[in-house]
Protein backbone atom coordinates (compact mmCIF):
# COMPACT_ATOMS: atom_id res chain seq x y z
CA MET A 1 -0.03 0.25 0.18
CA GLN A 2 2.73 2.17 0.73
CA THR A 3 4.55 1.87 -2.75
CA LEU A 4 1.13 2.39 -4.28
CA ALA A 5 0.49 5.46 -2.62
CA ALA A 6 4.30 6.57 -3.51
CA VAL A 7 3.74 6.08 -6.99
CA GLN A 8 0.01 8.11 -7.03
CA LYS A 9 2.20 10.73 -5.16
CA GLN A 10 4.74 10.77 -7.88
CA ARG A 11 2.18 11.05 -10.55
CA SER A 12 0.58 14.00 -8.89
CA ILE A 13 3.65 16.04 -9.09
CA GLY A 14 2.98 15.81 -12.92
CA SER A 15 4.80 15.18 -16.43
CA VAL A 16 8.29 16.35 -17.14
CA GLN A 17 6.51 17.28 -20.78
CA PHE A 18 5.09 20.27 -18.73
CA LEU A 19 8.57 21.53 -17.63
CA PRO A 20 8.70 25.00 -18.70
CA VAL A 21 11.98 25.95 -20.42
CA ASN A 22 11.70 29.45 -18.64
CA LEU A 23 12.72 27.73 -15.33
CA PHE A 24 16.51 27.82 -16.29
CA GLY A 25 16.02 31.62 -15.28
CA ALA A 26 16.12 30.34 -11.61
CA VAL A 27 19.86 28.87 -12.38
CA MET A 28 20.36 32.69 -14.10
CA GLY A 29 18.72 34.37 -10.68
CA ILE A 30 20.72 32.27 -8.35
CA SER A 31 24.12 32.10 -10.19
CA GLY A 32 23.83 35.86 -10.32
CA LEU A 33 23.07 35.96 -6.41
CA SER A 34 26.04 33.67 -5.91
CA LEU A 35 28.11 36.28 -7.59
CA ALA A 36 26.46 39.32 -5.79
CA TRP A 37 27.38 37.59 -2.75
CA ARG A 38 30.97 36.98 -3.87
CA GLN A 39 31.37 40.96 -4.38
CA ALA A 40 29.56 41.72 -0.97
CA SER A 41 32.49 39.64 0.95
CA LYS A 42 34.83 42.32 -0.85
CA LEU A 43 32.64 45.37 0.11
CA PHE A 44 31.02 44.12 3.42
CA GLY A 45 33.69 41.60 4.64
CA THR A 46 30.66 38.91 4.58
CA SER A 47 31.81 35.42 4.53
CA PRO A 48 32.49 33.94 1.00
CA VAL A 49 31.08 30.58 2.19
CA ILE A 50 27.67 32.39 1.66
CA ALA A 51 28.36 32.61 -1.90
CA ASP A 52 29.58 29.20 -1.93
CA ILE A 53 26.48 27.53 -0.76
CA ILE A 54 24.36 29.93 -3.46
CA GLY A 55 26.74 28.57 -5.80
CA ILE A 56 26.14 25.02 -5.24
CA VAL A 57 22.52 25.38 -5.16
CA ALA A 58 22.81 27.15 -8.52
CA VAL A 59 24.63 24.16 -9.58
CA LEU A 60 22.24 21.41 -8.45
CA MET A 61 19.27 23.20 -9.92
CA PHE A 62 21.19 23.57 -13.29
CA ILE A 63 21.70 19.62 -13.59
CA VAL A 64 18.09 18.60 -11.94
CA LEU A 65 16.82 21.06 -14.94
CA SER A 66 19.04 19.91 -17.71
CA ILE A 67 17.97 16.17 -17.25
CA GLY A 68 14.38 17.07 -16.82
CA TYR A 69 14.46 19.16 -20.18
CA ILE A 70 16.52 16.62 -21.94
CA SER A 71 14.38 14.04 -20.73
CA LYS A 72 11.62 16.12 -22.17
CA TRP A 73 13.42 16.40 -25.49
CA VAL A 74 13.73 12.82 -25.99
CA LEU A 75 10.56 11.65 -24.78
CA TYR A 76 8.12 14.63 -25.91
CA PRO A 77 10.08 16.37 -28.77
CA GLN A 78 6.89 17.87 -30.15
CA LYS A 79 6.52 19.92 -27.14
CA VAL A 80 10.31 21.02 -27.14
CA VAL A 81 9.91 22.12 -30.82
CA GLY A 82 6.38 24.16 -30.13
CA GLU A 83 8.06 25.93 -27.00
CA PHE A 84 11.25 26.96 -29.34
CA THR A 85 8.97 27.95 -32.26
CA HIS A 86 6.75 29.99 -30.06
CA PRO A 87 7.06 33.45 -30.94
CA ILE A 88 7.28 34.16 -27.04
CA SER A 89 8.01 31.50 -24.80
CA GLY A 90 11.09 30.58 -27.49
CA ASN A 91 13.08 33.41 -26.36
CA PHE A 92 13.35 31.64 -23.05
CA PHE A 93 15.47 29.32 -24.54
CA GLY A 94 18.24 32.13 -23.87
CA THR A 95 17.89 31.19 -20.39
CA ILE A 96 20.02 28.07 -20.72
CA THR A 97 22.75 29.71 -22.50
CA ILE A 98 23.26 32.74 -19.66
CA ALA A 99 22.56 30.20 -16.91
CA ILE A 100 25.80 28.20 -18.63
CA LEU A 101 27.69 31.52 -18.95
CA LEU A 102 27.10 32.59 -15.49
CA LEU A 103 27.84 29.15 -14.14
CA SER A 104 31.32 29.45 -15.87
CA SER A 105 32.15 32.39 -13.45
CA VAL A 106 30.67 30.53 -10.50
CA LEU A 107 32.51 27.49 -11.24
CA GLY A 108 35.81 29.47 -12.18
CA THR A 109 36.25 30.43 -8.51
CA TYR A 110 36.91 26.88 -8.00
CA SER A 111 38.29 25.15 -11.52
CA GLN A 112 39.87 27.71 -14.01
CA LEU A 113 39.80 24.83 -16.82
CA LEU A 114 36.07 24.33 -16.09
CA GLY A 115 35.15 27.77 -15.81
CA GLN A 116 36.67 27.95 -18.91
CA ALA A 117 34.98 24.95 -20.76
CA PHE A 118 31.56 26.45 -19.63
CA TRP A 119 32.33 29.95 -21.12
CA ILE A 120 33.44 28.48 -24.45
CA PHE A 121 30.25 26.11 -24.34
CA GLY A 122 28.04 29.12 -23.47
CA THR A 123 29.33 31.66 -25.47
CA ALA A 124 29.14 29.01 -28.68
CA THR A 125 25.64 27.87 -28.12
CA THR A 126 24.86 32.07 -27.17
CA LEU A 127 25.96 33.32 -30.39
CA VAL A 128 23.92 30.60 -32.50
CA LEU A 129 21.05 31.23 -30.59
CA SER A 130 20.99 35.03 -31.39
CA PHE A 131 21.78 34.43 -34.96
CA VAL A 132 18.59 32.29 -35.06
CA PHE A 133 16.35 34.36 -33.12
CA VAL A 134 17.26 37.68 -35.09
CA SER A 135 16.90 35.75 -38.29
CA ARG A 136 13.78 34.52 -37.41
CA LEU A 137 12.34 37.89 -36.61
CA LEU A 138 13.48 39.25 -39.81
CA LYS A 139 11.41 37.05 -41.82
CA GLY A 140 8.65 39.77 -41.10
CA ASN A 141 4.72 39.27 -40.44
CA GLN A 142 5.38 39.41 -36.70
CA GLU A 143 2.59 40.30 -34.46
CA PRO A 144 3.27 43.56 -32.76
CA GLY A 145 1.52 42.36 -29.49
CA ASN A 146 4.45 39.62 -29.36
CA ALA A 147 6.80 42.40 -29.03
CA VAL A 148 7.08 41.52 -25.05
CA PRO A 149 9.97 41.79 -22.44
CA PRO A 150 11.31 38.15 -23.18
CA TRP A 151 12.27 39.13 -26.68
CA LEU A 152 15.40 41.04 -25.00
CA ILE A 153 16.57 37.60 -23.55
CA PRO A 154 18.59 36.33 -26.49
CA GLY A 155 20.35 39.81 -26.86
CA VAL A 156 21.02 39.99 -23.32
CA ALA A 157 22.40 36.23 -23.66
CA THR A 158 25.22 37.86 -26.00
CA ILE A 159 26.07 40.81 -23.61
CA ASP A 160 26.47 37.98 -20.74
CA VAL A 161 29.43 36.66 -23.19
CA SER A 162 31.38 39.78 -22.17
CA VAL A 163 30.40 39.78 -18.11
CA ALA A 164 31.66 36.23 -17.93
CA GLY A 165 34.52 36.36 -20.31
CA GLY A 166 36.08 39.25 -19.26
CA THR A 167 39.02 37.67 -17.04
CA MET A 168 39.41 34.66 -20.15
CA PRO A 169 43.13 33.97 -20.93
CA PHE A 170 42.76 33.44 -24.42
CA PRO A 171 44.09 35.85 -26.85
CA TRP A 172 41.13 35.84 -29.14
CA ALA A 173 38.68 36.18 -25.96
CA HIS A 174 38.70 40.09 -26.04
CA GLU A 175 37.59 40.35 -29.72
CA ILE A 176 34.83 37.61 -29.39
CA ASN A 177 33.48 39.90 -25.97
CA LEU A 178 33.63 42.79 -27.94
CA LEU A 179 31.82 41.16 -30.82
CA SER A 180 29.17 39.77 -28.43
CA LEU A 181 28.80 43.20 -26.35
CA ALA A 182 28.18 44.70 -29.99
CA ILE A 183 25.48 42.35 -31.09
CA GLY A 184 23.84 42.21 -27.60
CA GLY A 185 23.84 45.93 -27.20
CA ILE A 186 22.25 47.12 -30.77
CA VAL A 187 19.88 44.06 -30.65
CA ALA A 188 18.58 44.83 -26.83
CA LEU A 189 18.59 48.92 -28.26
CA VAL A 190 16.51 48.14 -30.95
CA PHE A 191 14.02 45.48 -29.29
CA PHE A 192 13.73 47.77 -25.96
CA THR A 193 12.39 50.35 -28.61
CA LEU A 194 10.12 48.04 -29.87
CA ILE A 195 8.94 46.89 -26.45
CA VAL A 196 8.62 50.25 -25.02
CA SER A 197 6.20 51.19 -27.97
CA ARG A 198 4.12 48.09 -27.66
CA LEU A 199 3.73 48.90 -23.77
CA ILE A 200 2.70 52.70 -24.52
CA HIS A 201 0.59 51.92 -27.41
CA GLN A 202 -1.34 48.72 -26.88
CA ALA A 203 -2.91 46.76 -23.97
CA PRO A 204 -1.32 46.00 -20.66
CA LEU A 205 0.67 42.58 -20.75
CA PRO A 206 -1.02 39.66 -19.44
CA ALA A 207 -0.72 38.43 -15.90
CA GLY A 208 1.28 35.77 -16.72
CA LEU A 209 3.84 37.96 -18.64
CA THR A 210 3.87 40.99 -15.99
CA PRO A 211 7.00 39.85 -13.97
CA SER A 212 8.85 39.66 -17.31
CA LEU A 213 8.60 43.78 -17.31
CA ILE A 214 11.76 43.41 -14.81
CA ILE A 215 13.80 41.85 -17.76
CA MET A 216 13.82 45.52 -19.27
CA ILE A 217 16.74 46.70 -17.01
CA ALA A 218 18.71 43.62 -18.00
CA PRO A 219 20.43 45.68 -21.12
CA PHE A 220 21.59 48.38 -19.09
CA GLU A 221 23.01 46.58 -15.90
CA VAL A 222 24.21 43.66 -17.97
CA GLY A 223 25.64 46.27 -20.49
CA PHE A 224 26.80 48.15 -17.50
CA LEU A 225 28.87 44.96 -16.34
CA GLY A 226 30.04 43.87 -19.93
CA TYR A 227 31.33 47.40 -20.70
CA THR A 228 33.27 48.08 -17.73
CA ASN A 229 34.79 44.06 -18.14
CA ILE A 230 36.22 44.96 -21.61
CA MET A 231 37.24 48.55 -20.85
CA GLN A 232 38.26 47.77 -17.03
CA ARG A 233 37.58 51.12 -16.14
CA ILE A 234 34.19 52.70 -15.03
CA ASP A 235 33.65 55.69 -17.03
CA GLN A 236 30.90 58.28 -17.37
CA PHE A 237 28.94 56.07 -20.07
CA ALA A 238 29.09 53.19 -17.70
CA SER A 239 27.15 55.21 -14.90
CA ILE A 240 24.81 56.29 -17.37
CA LEU A 241 23.98 52.72 -17.86
CA PHE A 242 23.84 51.72 -14.20
CA TYR A 243 21.69 54.80 -13.16
CA PHE A 244 19.26 54.24 -15.88
CA GLY A 245 18.47 50.73 -15.28
CA LEU A 246 18.35 51.55 -11.60
CA PHE A 247 15.88 54.28 -12.48
CA LEU A 248 13.95 51.99 -14.59
CA PHE A 249 13.94 49.27 -11.57
CA MET A 250 12.12 51.51 -9.42
CA VAL A 251 9.19 52.24 -11.72
CA LEU A 252 8.68 49.04 -12.97
CA PHE A 253 8.88 47.36 -9.18
CA PHE A 254 5.80 49.04 -8.26
CA LYS A 255 3.85 47.30 -11.57
CA VAL A 256 5.22 43.93 -11.09
CA PHE A 257 5.52 43.22 -7.37
CA LYS A 258 1.55 43.20 -6.63
CA LYS A 259 -0.88 40.81 -5.03
CA SER A 260 -2.92 40.62 -8.11
CA VAL A 261 -0.36 38.86 -10.07
CA PRO A 262 -0.66 35.31 -9.80
CA PHE A 263 2.65 33.10 -8.92
CA GLY A 264 3.98 30.68 -11.43
CA ALA A 265 7.28 29.92 -13.39
CA SER A 266 7.18 32.93 -15.11
CA TRP A 267 7.77 34.61 -11.53
CA TRP A 268 11.49 33.23 -12.41
CA ALA A 269 12.11 36.19 -15.15
CA VAL A 270 12.47 38.68 -12.20
CA SER A 271 15.58 36.66 -10.77
CA PHE A 272 18.50 37.44 -13.02
CA PRO A 273 17.83 41.25 -13.93
CA MET A 274 17.60 42.08 -10.22
CA ALA A 275 20.73 40.15 -9.61
CA ALA A 276 22.30 42.03 -12.50
CA LEU A 277 21.29 44.97 -10.76
CA SER A 278 23.00 43.69 -7.56
CA ASN A 279 26.49 43.06 -9.28
CA ALA A 280 26.47 46.32 -10.98
CA ALA A 281 25.36 48.26 -7.68
CA LEU A 282 28.36 46.65 -5.80
CA LYS A 283 30.41 47.23 -8.21
CA TYR A 284 29.56 50.45 -8.89
CA ALA A 285 29.53 51.34 -4.74
CA MET A 286 33.13 49.83 -4.66
CA PHE A 287 34.11 52.33 -7.08
CA VAL A 288 32.94 55.49 -5.87
CA GLN A 289 33.11 54.59 -2.33
CA SER A 290 30.14 56.79 -1.61
CA TRP A 291 28.17 55.89 1.72
CA LEU A 292 24.68 56.26 -0.20
CA LEU A 293 25.73 53.98 -3.10
CA ILE A 294 26.99 51.61 -0.54
CA ALA A 295 23.76 51.72 1.41
CA ILE A 296 21.82 51.41 -1.75
CA ALA A 297 24.09 48.23 -3.11
CA ALA A 298 23.38 46.79 0.72
CA VAL A 299 19.37 47.15 0.09
CA ILE A 300 19.17 46.07 -3.32
CA LEU A 301 21.31 42.58 -2.30
CA ALA A 302 19.03 42.27 0.66
CA LEU A 303 15.81 42.40 -1.67
CA VAL A 304 17.26 40.47 -4.18
CA SER A 305 18.00 37.69 -1.39
CA PHE A 306 14.62 37.66 -0.41
CA VAL A 307 12.66 37.60 -3.52
CA LEU A 308 14.83 34.81 -4.43
CA ILE A 309 14.26 32.64 -0.97
CA VAL A 310 10.54 33.34 -1.73
CA LEU A 311 10.64 32.52 -5.58
CA PHE A 312 12.63 29.00 -4.45
CA ILE A 313 10.02 28.16 -1.63
CA ARG A 314 6.95 28.88 -3.67
CA THR A 315 8.20 27.25 -6.61
CA LEU A 316 9.02 24.06 -4.68
CA ASN A 317 5.58 24.01 -3.25
CA ILE A 318 3.79 24.41 -6.49
CA LEU A 319 5.93 21.70 -7.76
CA PHE A 320 5.09 19.57 -4.80
CA ASN A 321 1.18 20.27 -4.82
CA GLY A 322 1.12 19.51 -8.83
CA LYS A 323 0.57 23.04 -10.18
CA LEU A 324 3.89 23.32 -11.80
CA LEU A 325 3.84 20.15 -13.88
CA ASN A 326 0.35 19.46 -15.00
CA GLY A 327 0.12 21.82 -18.17
């Protein structure tokens, strides 16, 4: 009887065919949080063990999700194809490559060789994915209503190449970083304009896509991190990127974090942009050495940590009560 009950409980969790690709956004957010706490250990003197523990969670989550999504690909290939070709959800495949790039930075702390391998693989897949998605959009006949914040993900993914690759020792890495920053920066700028136009002139986003509004800060904060990595300095242009991203976050925060927005896997869309903002705030605060910016960086880090803990707990809750993987 216990075995039968266990089987029934397992079935109630749902099927891997309904595993959403956007859950890889959780790996992005948690990896970004690990990197933020690594920086916080330099600015605030916090224990690096915090970053280590968060990094382990990110790696384990990536392994579990990878096994799950590969299983979905093998068992239900039509579901994966449908997700990839969808004009909105297809963009979330960029979360996989961004997760790999961020994990290269997390793992590089412990193994330089492993970090480099992840970065090379992540860079190659990111550039291919960006090519595919830009080519798809340029075929034409796109619905204006489909210009939503997830469109930014493939472009931001390319910028992340330079974020994670700033310390790569290869002689060709600098040019690849420049190429990636150029592609990601211009693509993100064009898409950002289209998305803002859609948000102004058309109906508000559906409730399920509302959390994705926070993605709109990513090109500026990730751009800040990528640009300063390549330039090896923080100049006024970098400051402009950081401050506009911070301003936009304050504007969007009150539009997203409302009780009326139902919880689901789509909420993980807020995690990485907020983690990128935290990393940028910490880096900028260390450069400026202003008590106000240090305080802002501390508040953002605390806020991101709290949000990700809530997201993690609530995701486990909907997983085990059968709402996450039941279609």
